[in-house]
Amino acid sequence: MPLLTSLSGVALVAPHVCPYTYIISLRIRHKQLALPFTDLIGARGLEPPTSASRTLRATNCATPRLPMLLPMLLYDALMIGARMKYCVLIIDGASGWPLAAHGGKTCLELAHTQNMDAMAKAGVVGLLRTVPPGMEPSSACACMSVLGYDPQIYYRGRSAIEAKGMGVPINEGEAVFRCNLVAVRDGRMWSYSSGHISTGEAQILIDSLNAKLGSDKVHFYTGVSYRHICKVKGSEDALLASCTPPHDIPGKAIDEFLPKGPGSDLLRELMTRSELVLLDHPVNIERRARGDIPATMVWLFWGSGKIPAILAFKEVYGLDAAMTSGVDIMRGLARMIGMQVLDIPGVTGDLNNDYANQAIGALEALEKYDMAVIHVEATDEAAHAGLVKDKIEAIQRVDKEIVARLRSWDKDALRVLILPDHPTPIEIQTHVADPVPFILWGPGFTASGAKRFTEAEAKGTGVFIKEGYNIMGRLTE
């Protein structure tokens, strides 16, 4: 149970209209405490507030004993404040555009999500801009906003964050790049993930790349599945190169999308030389024999330099937090801001994710931490592959196996934020910077009029948060 680090400003106001009308206002952890809890109101005979004002108003003028309730009310409020927990659920790439082949509905609209819909009816639903204008709609940029940090100040590229998640140091004079194992066929991008190659197979290929291409200036680091890191020393100009993510060019001729401009020569050289290393590699021979997509080359992009200094999450929000994710980018973000990374068996970055175990592990972590962040990658992976059915199924499993457990939480008071980090429309199979729908649910949040958790319902409420990094303050205030 977190300790109360600050208590100030307990104000009792008795308006002239009624001598038994009081407003109770108190501040905990330097934030205004959200008091309108159903159990507190019911137990003490108080009426719930009509807005998210963070105040409780006792309006029963026929109750002469009301002043006697004030000490009990204050005690209840303090106890609830001490027990407040938070959960952030990021459903990566879950939102998107209407699908003409599916009645003009999005995947969120096509999915059966009774738990998220119930929370949407009871909570605040709206749209959130997670990607500032002019910035790349990557998960790193968008999730930095979701976690309460302004990307325009702190974001310096995705690869540095992934490297942090992998424990790869970046020193002065060094640069890191995302290094995908991809498959190219007939000069066109066949698979940005080499058919979601296994981490074990990838490790063998990365070892071979280091043996053939590595040096004191170039090194490859194994990540998860097809996602890896290449670090170069003494070639910081490579950060000036214009690079295109391979998931942005499915089926397209790769020549026009190879690294361009200043500093691109080294990147193109490594990519070209990797083809010879991988062509007849035993791992690829076995994959072809099984009918699996081989890894034919590496693709370098998302260059980053050293990560700037950043305040820890606890320093900013006064909360101890932990995160569960199956991808290095999120683990890197967590480590950047001092969040604990949870190691939960079965949590992956693909469609085989163990949703139930991820939820159970995250909720168990709330016994120790104030906040649990749950990041699910499966929805985004399905969208990048253009798989409508798989994306819908992933959304439904999140609802049934994760959100249902959040709704049934029966321990401390719990506030929940649910949202995608960015849309990944099926039609284009890549990220866009459109605003995303969100739900704020729990004590202190009142209904904003939504009936479901969808893009259209979120837009219909008229609630719009322009600066995405403010959402964490809304959750924890």
Protein backbone atom coordinates (compact mmCIF):
# COMPACT_ATOMS: atom_id res chain seq x y z
CA MET A 1 0.00 0.00 0.00
CA PRO A 2 1.55 3.35 -1.02
CA LEU A 3 2.19 5.87 1.76
CA LEU A 4 0.59 9.32 1.76
CA THR A 5 3.49 11.65 1.09
CA SER A 6 1.55 14.87 1.45
CA LEU A 7 -1.72 16.05 2.95
CA SER A 8 -2.71 19.68 2.80
CA GLY A 9 -5.71 21.95 2.41
CA VAL A 10 -8.68 20.29 4.07
CA ALA A 11 -11.37 22.93 3.52
CA LEU A 12 -14.88 22.94 4.99
CA VAL A 13 -17.24 25.53 3.46
CA ALA A 14 -20.79 26.17 4.70
CA PRO A 15 -22.74 28.32 2.20
CA HIS A 16 -25.41 30.69 3.52
CA VAL A 17 -28.12 28.89 1.55
CA CYS A 18 -28.09 25.89 3.85
CA PRO A 19 -26.09 25.53 7.08
CA TYR A 20 -25.73 21.78 6.47
CA THR A 21 -24.21 22.05 2.99
CA TYR A 22 -20.49 21.32 3.05
CA ILE A 23 -17.75 20.95 0.49
CA ILE A 24 -14.86 18.70 1.38
CA SER A 25 -11.63 19.26 -0.53
CA LEU A 26 -8.27 17.68 0.17
CA ARG A 27 -5.01 17.12 -1.63
CA ILE A 28 -2.90 13.96 -1.55
CA ARG A 29 0.49 13.45 -3.18
CA HIS A 30 0.29 17.06 -4.40
CA LYS A 31 -2.74 16.11 -6.51
CA GLN A 32 -6.42 16.80 -5.89
CA LEU A 33 -7.96 13.60 -4.53
CA ALA A 34 -10.90 12.14 -6.46
CA LEU A 35 -13.54 11.59 -3.80
CA PRO A 36 -16.84 10.63 -5.50
CA PHE A 37 -16.76 6.92 -4.73
CA THR A 38 -20.03 5.01 -4.65
CA ASP A 39 -19.22 3.14 -1.47
CA LEU A 40 -18.18 6.30 0.35
CA ILE A 41 -21.26 8.20 -0.77
CA GLY A 42 -23.63 5.36 0.10
CA ALA A 43 -22.08 4.70 3.48
CA ARG A 44 -22.16 8.35 4.57
CA GLY A 45 -25.45 9.49 3.07
CA LEU A 46 -23.94 11.87 0.53
CA GLU A 47 -25.09 12.79 -2.94
CA PRO A 48 -22.64 12.16 -5.80
CA PRO A 49 -21.28 15.25 -7.57
CA THR A 50 -22.74 16.13 -10.95
CA SER A 51 -19.34 16.73 -12.56
CA ALA A 52 -15.76 15.57 -12.25
CA SER A 53 -15.09 18.46 -9.85
CA ARG A 54 -13.13 16.32 -7.41
CA THR A 55 -15.48 17.48 -4.58
CA LEU A 56 -18.21 15.86 -2.54
CA ARG A 57 -21.22 17.95 -1.62
CA ALA A 58 -23.55 17.00 1.21
CA THR A 59 -26.93 18.53 0.41
CA ASN A 60 -29.40 16.93 2.79
CA CYS A 61 -30.46 19.99 4.81
CA ALA A 62 -32.86 17.89 6.85
CA THR A 63 -29.98 16.00 8.46
CA PRO A 64 -28.94 17.90 11.60
CA ARG A 65 -26.28 15.29 12.40
CA LEU A 66 -24.40 15.94 9.17
CA PRO A 67 -21.49 17.81 10.87
CA MET A 68 -20.86 14.64 12.86
CA LEU A 69 -20.23 12.79 9.58
CA LEU A 70 -17.34 15.02 8.57
CA PRO A 71 -14.58 13.26 10.56
CA MET A 72 -15.78 9.90 9.23
CA LEU A 73 -15.90 11.28 5.68
CA LEU A 74 -12.37 12.60 5.97
CA TYR A 75 -11.15 9.24 7.32
CA ASP A 76 -12.85 7.37 4.46
CA ALA A 77 -11.37 9.73 1.89
CA LEU A 78 -7.87 9.31 3.27
CA MET A 79 -8.16 5.53 3.27
CA ILE A 80 -9.43 5.44 -0.30
CA GLY A 81 -6.68 7.81 -1.40
CA ALA A 82 -4.09 5.55 0.18
CA ARG A 83 -5.42 2.52 -1.70
CA MET A 84 -5.92 4.00 -5.16
CA LYS A 85 -4.40 1.88 -7.94
CA TYR A 86 -4.08 2.57 -11.66
CA CYS A 87 -3.92 0.45 -14.81
CA VAL A 88 -3.07 1.59 -18.33
CA LEU A 89 -4.00 -0.81 -21.15
CA ILE A 90 -2.40 0.01 -24.52
CA ILE A 91 -3.92 -2.02 -27.37
CA ASP A 92 -1.32 -1.33 -30.02
CA GLY A 93 -2.71 -0.19 -33.38
CA ALA A 94 -6.26 -1.29 -32.48
CA SER A 95 -8.03 1.66 -34.08
CA GLY A 96 -8.24 2.19 -37.84
CA TRP A 97 -10.39 3.28 -40.75
CA PRO A 98 -13.81 2.02 -41.95
CA LEU A 99 -13.51 -1.09 -44.10
CA ALA A 100 -15.60 -0.97 -47.28
CA ALA A 101 -15.61 -4.77 -47.52
CA HIS A 102 -17.07 -4.98 -44.00
CA GLY A 103 -20.01 -2.61 -44.18
CA GLY A 104 -17.94 0.51 -43.60
CA LYS A 105 -17.04 -0.54 -40.07
CA THR A 106 -13.67 -0.46 -38.33
CA CYS A 107 -12.17 -3.45 -36.57
CA LEU A 108 -13.17 -1.96 -33.21
CA GLU A 109 -16.75 -1.70 -34.45
CA LEU A 110 -16.70 -5.24 -35.85
CA ALA A 111 -15.33 -6.75 -32.63
CA HIS A 112 -17.58 -7.94 -29.79
CA THR A 113 -16.25 -6.04 -26.78
CA GLN A 114 -18.87 -6.17 -24.05
CA ASN A 115 -16.43 -5.27 -21.29
CA MET A 116 -14.87 -2.24 -22.98
CA ASP A 117 -18.34 -1.14 -24.08
CA ALA A 118 -19.62 -1.34 -20.50
CA MET A 119 -16.66 0.74 -19.33
CA ALA A 120 -17.25 3.22 -22.15
CA LYS A 121 -20.84 3.73 -21.02
CA ALA A 122 -19.73 4.44 -17.45
CA GLY A 123 -16.56 6.44 -18.06
CA VAL A 124 -15.08 9.32 -19.99
CA VAL A 125 -14.62 8.50 -23.69
CA GLY A 126 -13.01 10.80 -26.20
CA LEU A 127 -10.22 11.27 -28.72
CA LEU A 128 -6.54 11.78 -27.90
CA ARG A 129 -3.79 13.04 -30.17
CA THR A 130 -0.78 10.92 -29.23
CA VAL A 131 1.44 11.99 -32.14
CA PRO A 132 2.32 15.70 -32.31
CA PRO A 133 2.05 17.34 -35.75
CA GLY A 134 5.02 16.59 -37.95
CA MET A 135 6.32 13.68 -35.87
CA GLU A 136 6.46 10.05 -36.97
CA PRO A 137 3.46 7.93 -35.89
CA SER A 138 5.63 5.25 -34.33
CA SER A 139 4.73 3.33 -31.19
CA ALA A 140 7.73 4.88 -29.45
CA CYS A 141 6.53 8.42 -30.08
CA ALA A 142 2.86 7.69 -29.38
CA CYS A 143 3.48 5.60 -26.25
CA MET A 144 5.76 8.28 -24.86
CA SER A 145 2.70 10.54 -24.96
CA VAL A 146 0.50 7.90 -23.35
CA LEU A 147 3.00 7.52 -20.50
CA GLY A 148 2.85 11.23 -19.84
CA TYR A 149 5.96 12.62 -21.57
CA ASP A 150 6.00 15.19 -24.38
CA PRO A 151 7.64 13.56 -27.44
CA GLN A 152 8.59 16.96 -28.80
CA ILE A 153 10.96 17.30 -25.86
CA TYR A 154 12.13 13.76 -25.12
CA TYR A 155 11.81 11.72 -28.32
CA ARG A 156 15.10 11.18 -30.18
CA GLY A 157 14.24 8.11 -32.24
CA ARG A 158 12.83 4.67 -31.66
CA SER A 159 15.97 2.56 -31.92
CA ALA A 160 17.64 4.14 -28.91
CA ILE A 161 14.62 3.22 -26.81
CA GLU A 162 14.63 -0.35 -28.10
CA ALA A 163 18.36 -0.56 -27.39
CA LYS A 164 17.65 0.57 -23.83
CA GLY A 165 15.10 -2.24 -23.53
CA MET A 166 17.73 -4.73 -24.72
CA GLY A 167 20.43 -3.40 -22.42
CA VAL A 168 22.54 -2.08 -25.30
CA PRO A 169 24.51 1.05 -24.24
CA ILE A 170 24.85 4.03 -26.57
CA ASN A 171 27.93 6.20 -26.04
CA GLU A 172 29.06 9.43 -27.62
CA GLY A 173 29.96 8.93 -31.26
CA GLU A 174 27.63 5.90 -31.61
CA ALA A 175 24.34 5.45 -33.42
CA VAL A 176 21.84 2.61 -33.40
CA PHE A 177 19.39 1.45 -36.04
CA ARG A 178 16.45 -0.93 -36.01
CA CYS A 179 17.58 -3.98 -37.95
CA ASN A 180 14.72 -6.07 -39.31
CA LEU A 181 15.26 -9.49 -40.80
CA VAL A 182 13.13 -9.16 -43.94
CA ALA A 183 12.28 -11.20 -47.01
CA VAL A 184 12.61 -9.69 -50.47
CA ARG A 185 11.41 -11.59 -53.55
CA ASP A 186 11.84 -10.44 -57.14
CA GLY A 187 13.02 -7.07 -55.88
CA ARG A 188 9.86 -6.45 -53.83
CA MET A 189 9.22 -6.43 -50.09
CA TRP A 190 7.74 -9.86 -49.45
CA SER A 191 7.69 -9.86 -45.65
CA TYR A 192 8.88 -7.17 -43.21
CA SER A 193 9.20 -9.92 -40.54
CA SER A 194 10.52 -12.90 -42.53
CA GLY A 195 7.27 -14.65 -41.75
CA HIS A 196 7.61 -13.74 -38.04
CA ILE A 197 10.81 -15.72 -37.73
CA SER A 198 11.42 -17.24 -34.30
CA THR A 199 13.85 -15.60 -31.90
CA GLY A 200 15.93 -18.78 -31.77
CA GLU A 201 16.44 -18.83 -35.55
CA ALA A 202 17.07 -15.10 -35.58
CA GLN A 203 19.79 -15.45 -32.95
CA ILE A 204 21.70 -17.86 -35.21
CA LEU A 205 21.38 -15.48 -38.19
CA ILE A 206 22.49 -12.47 -36.15
CA ASP A 207 25.53 -14.42 -34.93
CA SER A 208 26.44 -15.15 -38.55
CA LEU A 209 26.00 -11.50 -39.51
CA ASN A 210 28.37 -10.47 -36.72
CA ALA A 211 30.90 -13.07 -37.83
CA LYS A 212 30.84 -11.89 -41.45
CA LEU A 213 30.01 -8.18 -41.22
CA GLY A 214 30.81 -7.21 -37.64
CA SER A 215 33.87 -5.20 -36.63
CA ASP A 216 35.02 -2.80 -33.97
CA LYS A 217 32.72 -0.27 -35.63
CA VAL A 218 29.66 -2.40 -36.46
CA HIS A 219 27.79 -4.82 -34.21
CA PHE A 220 24.42 -6.56 -34.42
CA TYR A 221 22.35 -7.28 -31.29
CA THR A 222 19.61 -9.91 -31.12
CA GLY A 223 16.17 -8.74 -30.09
CA VAL A 224 12.83 -10.57 -30.42
CA SER A 225 11.69 -12.40 -33.57
CA TYR A 226 12.55 -10.18 -36.56
CA ARG A 227 13.33 -7.03 -34.51
CA HIS A 228 17.03 -6.41 -33.84
CA ILE A 229 19.54 -3.58 -33.40
CA CYS A 230 22.65 -2.59 -35.37
CA LYS A 231 25.10 -0.22 -33.65
CA VAL A 232 27.72 1.74 -35.58
CA LYS A 233 30.63 3.75 -34.19
CA GLY A 234 32.26 6.77 -35.76
CA SER A 235 29.54 7.13 -38.39
CA GLU A 236 27.06 9.48 -36.76
CA ASP A 237 26.37 11.01 -40.17
CA ALA A 238 24.36 7.85 -40.86
CA LEU A 239 21.66 9.44 -38.69
CA LEU A 240 21.15 11.96 -41.50
CA ALA A 241 20.09 9.23 -43.94
CA SER A 242 16.47 9.08 -45.06
CA CYS A 243 15.16 5.59 -44.26
CA THR A 244 11.81 3.87 -44.78
CA PRO A 245 10.38 1.20 -42.44
CA PRO A 246 9.85 -2.08 -44.31
CA HIS A 247 6.30 -2.47 -42.98
CA ASP A 248 5.42 0.70 -44.92
CA ILE A 249 6.19 -0.88 -48.30
CA PRO A 250 4.53 -4.33 -48.48
CA GLY A 251 4.70 -5.70 -52.03
CA LYS A 252 6.55 -2.65 -53.35
CA ALA A 253 9.87 -2.55 -55.26
CA ILE A 254 12.55 -1.85 -52.67
CA ASP A 255 15.03 0.12 -54.82
CA GLU A 256 13.34 3.48 -54.36
CA PHE A 257 13.03 2.92 -50.59
CA LEU A 258 16.63 2.06 -49.76
CA PRO A 259 18.44 4.57 -47.47
CA LYS A 260 19.12 7.87 -49.24
CA GLY A 261 21.06 11.06 -48.72
CA PRO A 262 23.99 11.93 -46.45
CA GLY A 263 25.30 9.02 -44.41
CA SER A 264 23.34 6.40 -46.32
CA ASP A 265 26.34 4.65 -47.95
CA LEU A 266 27.23 2.58 -44.87
CA LEU A 267 23.64 1.49 -44.34
CA ARG A 268 23.15 0.45 -47.96
CA GLU A 269 26.47 -1.43 -47.90
CA LEU A 270 25.50 -3.45 -44.82
CA MET A 271 22.08 -4.24 -46.24
CA THR A 272 23.52 -5.40 -49.56
CA ARG A 273 26.29 -7.50 -48.00
CA SER A 274 23.79 -9.18 -45.66
CA GLU A 275 22.11 -10.83 -48.67
CA LEU A 276 25.18 -12.96 -49.36
CA VAL A 277 25.45 -13.99 -45.69
CA LEU A 278 21.82 -15.09 -45.53
CA LEU A 279 21.26 -16.53 -49.02
CA ASP A 280 22.24 -20.14 -48.36
CA HIS A 281 22.33 -20.06 -44.59
CA PRO A 282 21.27 -23.39 -43.01
CA VAL A 283 18.45 -21.62 -41.12
CA ASN A 284 16.97 -20.37 -44.39
CA ILE A 285 17.44 -23.72 -46.12
CA GLU A 286 15.41 -25.33 -43.35
CA ARG A 287 12.77 -22.60 -43.46
CA ARG A 288 12.32 -23.01 -47.22
CA ALA A 289 12.06 -26.78 -46.81
CA ARG A 290 9.24 -26.28 -44.28
CA GLY A 291 7.48 -23.81 -46.56
CA ASP A 292 8.33 -20.87 -44.26
CA ILE A 293 9.42 -17.46 -45.51
CA PRO A 294 13.23 -17.09 -45.37
CA ALA A 295 15.16 -14.07 -44.10
CA THR A 296 16.89 -12.75 -47.21
CA MET A 297 18.47 -9.52 -45.93
CA VAL A 298 18.59 -7.00 -43.11
CA TRP A 299 16.75 -3.68 -43.37
CA LEU A 300 18.14 -0.70 -41.43
CA PHE A 301 15.98 2.26 -40.39
CA TRP A 302 14.83 4.34 -37.38
CA GLY A 303 18.31 5.69 -36.59
CA SER A 304 18.88 7.14 -33.11
CA GLY A 305 21.61 8.73 -31.08
CA LYS A 306 22.05 8.87 -27.33
CA ILE A 307 18.90 9.19 -25.21
CA PRO A 308 18.50 12.58 -23.47
CA ALA A 309 18.15 12.84 -19.70
CA ILE A 310 14.56 12.34 -18.56
CA LEU A 311 12.83 12.55 -15.19
CA ALA A 312 11.67 9.26 -13.68
CA PHE A 313 7.95 8.51 -13.72
CA LYS A 314 7.82 8.49 -9.92
CA GLU A 315 9.40 11.94 -9.76
CA VAL A 316 6.80 13.32 -12.17
CA TYR A 317 3.65 11.49 -11.02
CA GLY A 318 4.52 10.29 -7.52
CA LEU A 319 3.68 6.68 -8.35
CA ASP A 320 5.64 3.43 -8.48
CA ALA A 321 4.81 1.75 -11.80
CA ALA A 322 5.50 -1.49 -13.64
CA MET A 323 4.97 -2.55 -17.25
CA THR A 324 4.35 -5.78 -19.13
CA SER A 325 5.04 -5.97 -22.88
CA GLY A 326 6.33 -8.47 -25.40
CA VAL A 327 8.41 -5.96 -27.39
CA ASP A 328 11.71 -4.23 -26.69
CA ILE A 329 10.47 -0.75 -27.57
CA MET A 330 8.03 -0.73 -24.64
CA ARG A 331 10.50 -2.32 -22.25
CA GLY A 332 12.97 0.36 -23.29
CA LEU A 333 10.46 3.14 -22.63
CA ALA A 334 9.76 1.64 -19.21
CA ARG A 335 13.45 1.56 -18.31
CA MET A 336 13.95 5.10 -19.61
CA ILE A 337 11.48 6.47 -17.08
CA GLY A 338 12.28 4.12 -14.22
CA MET A 339 9.34 1.74 -14.50
CA GLN A 340 9.87 -1.86 -13.47
CA VAL A 341 9.68 -4.32 -16.38
CA LEU A 342 7.59 -7.39 -15.52
CA ASP A 343 8.75 -10.77 -16.78
CA ILE A 344 5.47 -12.65 -17.27
CA PRO A 345 5.57 -16.09 -18.96
CA GLY A 346 3.67 -16.27 -22.24
CA VAL A 347 3.76 -12.54 -23.04
CA THR A 348 4.88 -12.13 -26.66
CA GLY A 349 4.91 -9.54 -29.41
CA ASP A 350 2.68 -11.53 -31.75
CA LEU A 351 -0.69 -13.24 -32.08
CA ASN A 352 0.36 -16.07 -29.74
CA ASN A 353 0.33 -13.75 -26.73
CA ASP A 354 -1.03 -15.22 -23.47
CA TYR A 355 -3.55 -12.47 -22.71
CA ALA A 356 -4.90 -14.05 -19.54
CA ASN A 357 -1.51 -14.57 -17.97
CA GLN A 358 -0.48 -11.05 -18.92
CA ALA A 359 -3.53 -9.63 -17.13
CA ILE A 360 -3.08 -11.86 -14.08
CA GLY A 361 0.59 -10.93 -13.78
CA ALA A 362 -0.13 -7.22 -14.13
CA LEU A 363 -2.87 -7.24 -11.51
CA GLU A 364 -0.67 -9.23 -9.14
CA ALA A 365 1.95 -6.51 -9.59
CA LEU A 366 -0.54 -3.99 -8.15
CA GLU A 367 0.05 -5.58 -4.76
CA LYS A 368 3.50 -3.97 -4.89
CA TYR A 369 3.15 -1.09 -7.36
CA ASP A 370 0.72 1.82 -7.68
CA MET A 371 0.30 1.41 -11.45
CA ALA A 372 0.47 -1.44 -13.96
CA VAL A 373 0.89 -0.73 -17.68
CA ILE A 374 -0.25 -3.54 -19.98
CA HIS A 375 0.89 -3.31 -23.60
CA VAL A 376 -0.53 -5.73 -26.19
CA GLU A 377 1.23 -5.92 -29.56
CA ALA A 378 -0.90 -8.57 -31.31
CA THR A 379 -3.46 -6.12 -32.73
CA ASP A 380 -0.75 -4.09 -34.45
CA GLU A 381 0.95 -7.16 -35.88
CA ALA A 382 -2.34 -8.34 -37.40
CA ALA A 383 -2.94 -4.89 -38.93
CA HIS A 384 0.56 -4.75 -40.44
CA ALA A 385 -0.15 -8.10 -42.07
CA GLY A 386 -3.54 -6.88 -43.35
CA LEU A 387 -5.40 -9.61 -41.44
CA VAL A 388 -8.86 -8.31 -40.54
CA LYS A 389 -10.02 -11.51 -38.85
CA ASP A 390 -6.88 -11.77 -36.72
CA LYS A 391 -7.06 -8.13 -35.66
CA ILE A 392 -10.69 -8.51 -34.60
CA GLU A 393 -9.90 -11.72 -32.72
CA ALA A 394 -7.01 -10.03 -30.90
CA ILE A 395 -9.26 -7.13 -29.86
CA GLN A 396 -11.90 -9.58 -28.61
CA ARG A 397 -9.37 -11.58 -26.62
CA VAL A 398 -8.08 -8.39 -25.00
CA ASP A 399 -11.65 -7.60 -24.01
CA LYS A 400 -12.48 -11.06 -22.72
CA GLU A 401 -9.19 -12.01 -21.07
CA ILE A 402 -7.77 -8.67 -19.91
CA VAL A 403 -10.51 -6.05 -19.62
CA ALA A 404 -12.92 -8.45 -17.91
CA ARG A 405 -10.34 -8.92 -15.17
CA LEU A 406 -9.94 -5.16 -14.76
CA ARG A 407 -13.70 -4.75 -14.37
CA SER A 408 -13.88 -7.48 -11.75
CA TRP A 409 -11.00 -6.08 -9.64
CA ASP A 410 -12.32 -6.19 -6.07
CA LYS A 411 -9.36 -5.05 -3.99
CA ASP A 412 -8.28 -1.40 -3.84
CA ALA A 413 -9.99 1.40 -5.75
CA LEU A 414 -8.89 1.19 -9.40
CA ARG A 415 -8.73 3.76 -12.17
CA VAL A 416 -8.22 2.50 -15.73
CA LEU A 417 -7.08 4.07 -19.00
CA ILE A 418 -7.68 2.03 -22.18
CA LEU A 419 -6.55 3.16 -25.63
CA PRO A 420 -4.53 2.30 -28.75
CA ASP A 421 -1.25 4.17 -29.11
CA HIS A 422 -1.94 4.97 -32.78
CA PRO A 423 -4.22 3.67 -35.53
CA THR A 424 -2.93 0.98 -37.89
CA PRO A 425 -5.49 0.86 -40.72
CA ILE A 426 -5.82 -2.48 -42.46
CA GLU A 427 -5.97 -0.79 -45.88
CA ILE A 428 -2.45 0.62 -45.71
CA GLN A 429 -0.95 -1.81 -43.17
CA THR A 430 1.05 0.90 -41.41
CA HIS A 431 0.71 3.55 -38.71
CA VAL A 432 -1.03 6.90 -39.09
CA ALA A 433 -1.08 9.92 -36.79
CA ASP A 434 -4.87 10.19 -36.43
CA PRO A 435 -6.22 10.74 -32.88
CA VAL A 436 -7.14 7.56 -30.99
CA PRO A 437 -10.19 6.73 -28.86
CA PHE A 438 -9.68 6.40 -25.11
CA ILE A 439 -11.61 5.39 -21.99
CA LEU A 440 -11.01 6.81 -18.50
CA TRP A 441 -12.91 4.57 -16.09
CA GLY A 442 -13.13 4.29 -12.34
CA PRO A 443 -13.72 6.47 -9.27
CA GLY A 444 -14.16 10.11 -10.18
CA PHE A 445 -14.91 9.60 -13.88
CA THR A 446 -18.48 10.16 -15.03
CA ALA A 447 -20.12 9.06 -18.28
CA SER A 448 -19.52 11.25 -21.32
CA GLY A 449 -22.29 9.72 -23.43
CA ALA A 450 -20.55 6.94 -25.38
CA LYS A 451 -22.32 3.64 -25.86
CA ARG A 452 -19.36 1.64 -27.20
CA PHE A 453 -15.58 1.86 -27.38
CA THR A 454 -15.15 2.82 -31.03
CA GLU A 455 -13.65 5.62 -33.05
CA ALA A 456 -17.05 7.09 -33.99
CA GLU A 457 -18.42 6.96 -30.44
CA ALA A 458 -15.28 8.66 -29.13
CA LYS A 459 -15.60 11.43 -31.68
CA GLY A 460 -19.28 11.81 -30.89
CA THR A 461 -18.69 12.74 -27.24
CA GLY A 462 -16.89 15.92 -28.24
CA VAL A 463 -14.09 15.18 -25.75
CA PHE A 464 -10.71 15.86 -27.37
CA ILE A 465 -7.32 16.05 -25.68
CA LYS A 466 -4.99 17.89 -28.02
CA GLU A 467 -1.73 17.27 -26.19
CA GLY A 468 -1.59 13.52 -25.67
CA TYR A 469 0.92 13.58 -22.82
CA ASN A 470 -1.72 15.24 -20.62
CA ILE A 471 -3.72 12.00 -20.45
CA MET A 472 -1.56 10.59 -17.64
CA GLY A 473 -2.32 13.65 -15.55
CA ARG A 474 -6.04 13.16 -16.19
CA LEU A 475 -5.77 9.56 -15.03
CA THR A 476 -3.80 10.25 -11.87
CA GLU A 477 -5.06 13.69 -10.77
